[in-house]
Amino acid sequence: MAKVNVKVCLGTTCFVMGSSNLQELLDLVPKKYGEDVDVAGSPCLGLCSIDWEFSKAPYVKVNDEVIKEATVEKVLAAIERELK
């Protein structure tokens, strides 16, 4: 099974819009999934600049899937889909 890579955007917009609440993933994911999932913060994923007017920050990437308006629950659901 390939490792699942999770990148949490910690850029200014995403941080202000709630990615600071996603930092609990750094503790939660390793405990729940062990070595199967790698979680890291990213200075900026550049996703809100694509369409600033309709930004859906905070953003998280789970492998190639972009999670808009990310929550811990949405990210965990995406990880589960990738692990299946």
Protein backbone atom coordinates (compact mmCIF):
# COMPACT_ATOMS: atom_id res chain seq x y z
CA MET A 1 0.00 0.00 0.00
CA ALA A 2 1.32 3.43 -0.94
CA LYS A 3 1.76 6.02 1.77
CA VAL A 4 -0.92 8.73 1.93
CA ASN A 5 0.53 12.25 1.91
CA VAL A 6 -1.42 15.03 3.64
CA LYS A 7 -0.38 18.67 3.22
CA VAL A 8 -2.09 21.29 5.38
CA CYS A 9 -1.82 24.81 3.98
CA LEU A 10 -0.54 27.18 6.65
CA GLY A 11 -0.44 30.27 4.43
CA THR A 12 -1.92 33.45 5.86
CA THR A 13 -5.38 33.14 4.30
CA CYS A 14 -5.76 29.48 5.20
CA PHE A 15 -4.40 30.02 8.70
CA VAL A 16 -6.85 32.86 9.35
CA MET A 17 -9.71 30.86 7.82
CA GLY A 18 -9.14 27.89 10.11
CA SER A 19 -6.11 25.80 9.23
CA SER A 20 -4.80 26.57 12.70
CA ASN A 21 -7.58 24.24 13.91
CA LEU A 22 -6.22 21.49 11.64
CA GLN A 23 -2.90 21.31 13.48
CA GLU A 24 -4.41 18.61 15.70
CA LEU A 25 -4.02 16.34 12.66
CA LEU A 26 -0.27 16.31 13.36
CA ASP A 27 -0.97 14.38 16.58
CA LEU A 28 -4.15 12.54 15.65
CA VAL A 29 -3.14 11.01 12.30
CA PRO A 30 0.07 9.24 13.40
CA LYS A 31 -1.75 7.71 16.37
CA LYS A 32 -4.64 6.52 14.19
CA TYR A 33 -2.81 5.44 11.00
CA GLY A 34 0.82 4.96 12.02
CA GLU A 35 3.34 4.98 9.19
CA ASP A 36 0.66 4.70 6.46
CA VAL A 37 -0.02 8.45 6.46
CA ASP A 38 2.42 11.36 6.40
CA VAL A 39 1.10 14.77 7.56
CA ALA A 40 2.99 18.01 7.03
CA GLY A 41 2.29 21.70 7.05
CA SER A 42 2.97 23.71 3.90
CA PRO A 43 3.84 27.42 3.87
CA CYS A 44 1.30 27.88 1.04
CA LEU A 45 -0.36 25.53 -1.43
CA GLY A 46 -1.26 28.47 -3.70
CA LEU A 47 -4.84 27.30 -4.10
CA CYS A 48 -6.68 30.41 -2.91
CA SER A 49 -4.81 32.57 -5.43
CA ILE A 50 -6.34 30.61 -8.31
CA ASP A 51 -9.77 32.15 -7.68
CA TRP A 52 -9.41 34.61 -4.80
CA GLU A 53 -13.00 35.92 -4.98
CA PHE A 54 -14.40 32.47 -4.32
CA SER A 55 -11.70 31.17 -2.01
CA LYS A 56 -12.74 28.14 0.00
CA ALA A 57 -9.89 28.26 2.52
CA PRO A 58 -8.55 26.46 4.42
CA TYR A 59 -7.17 23.96 1.93
CA VAL A 60 -5.63 20.54 2.51
CA LYS A 61 -4.27 18.14 -0.09
CA VAL A 62 -4.65 14.41 0.53
CA ASN A 63 -2.47 12.91 -2.17
CA ASP A 64 -3.94 14.63 -5.27
CA GLU A 65 -7.37 15.39 -3.77
CA VAL A 66 -7.91 19.02 -2.76
CA ILE A 67 -10.11 19.46 0.31
CA LYS A 68 -11.81 22.87 0.31
CA GLU A 69 -13.10 24.44 3.53
CA ALA A 70 -11.16 21.67 5.25
CA THR A 71 -12.12 20.33 8.64
CA VAL A 72 -10.55 17.51 10.63
CA GLU A 73 -13.55 15.33 9.74
CA LYS A 74 -13.25 16.02 5.98
CA VAL A 75 -9.52 15.28 6.03
CA LEU A 76 -9.98 12.02 7.96
CA ALA A 77 -12.70 10.94 5.50
CA ALA A 78 -10.35 11.64 2.56
CA ILE A 79 -7.57 9.65 4.23
CA GLU A 80 -9.95 6.72 4.73
CA ARG A 81 -10.89 6.83 1.01
CA GLU A 82 -7.23 6.79 0.03
CA LEU A 83 -6.43 3.85 2.30
CA LYS A 84 -9.17 1.66 0.82
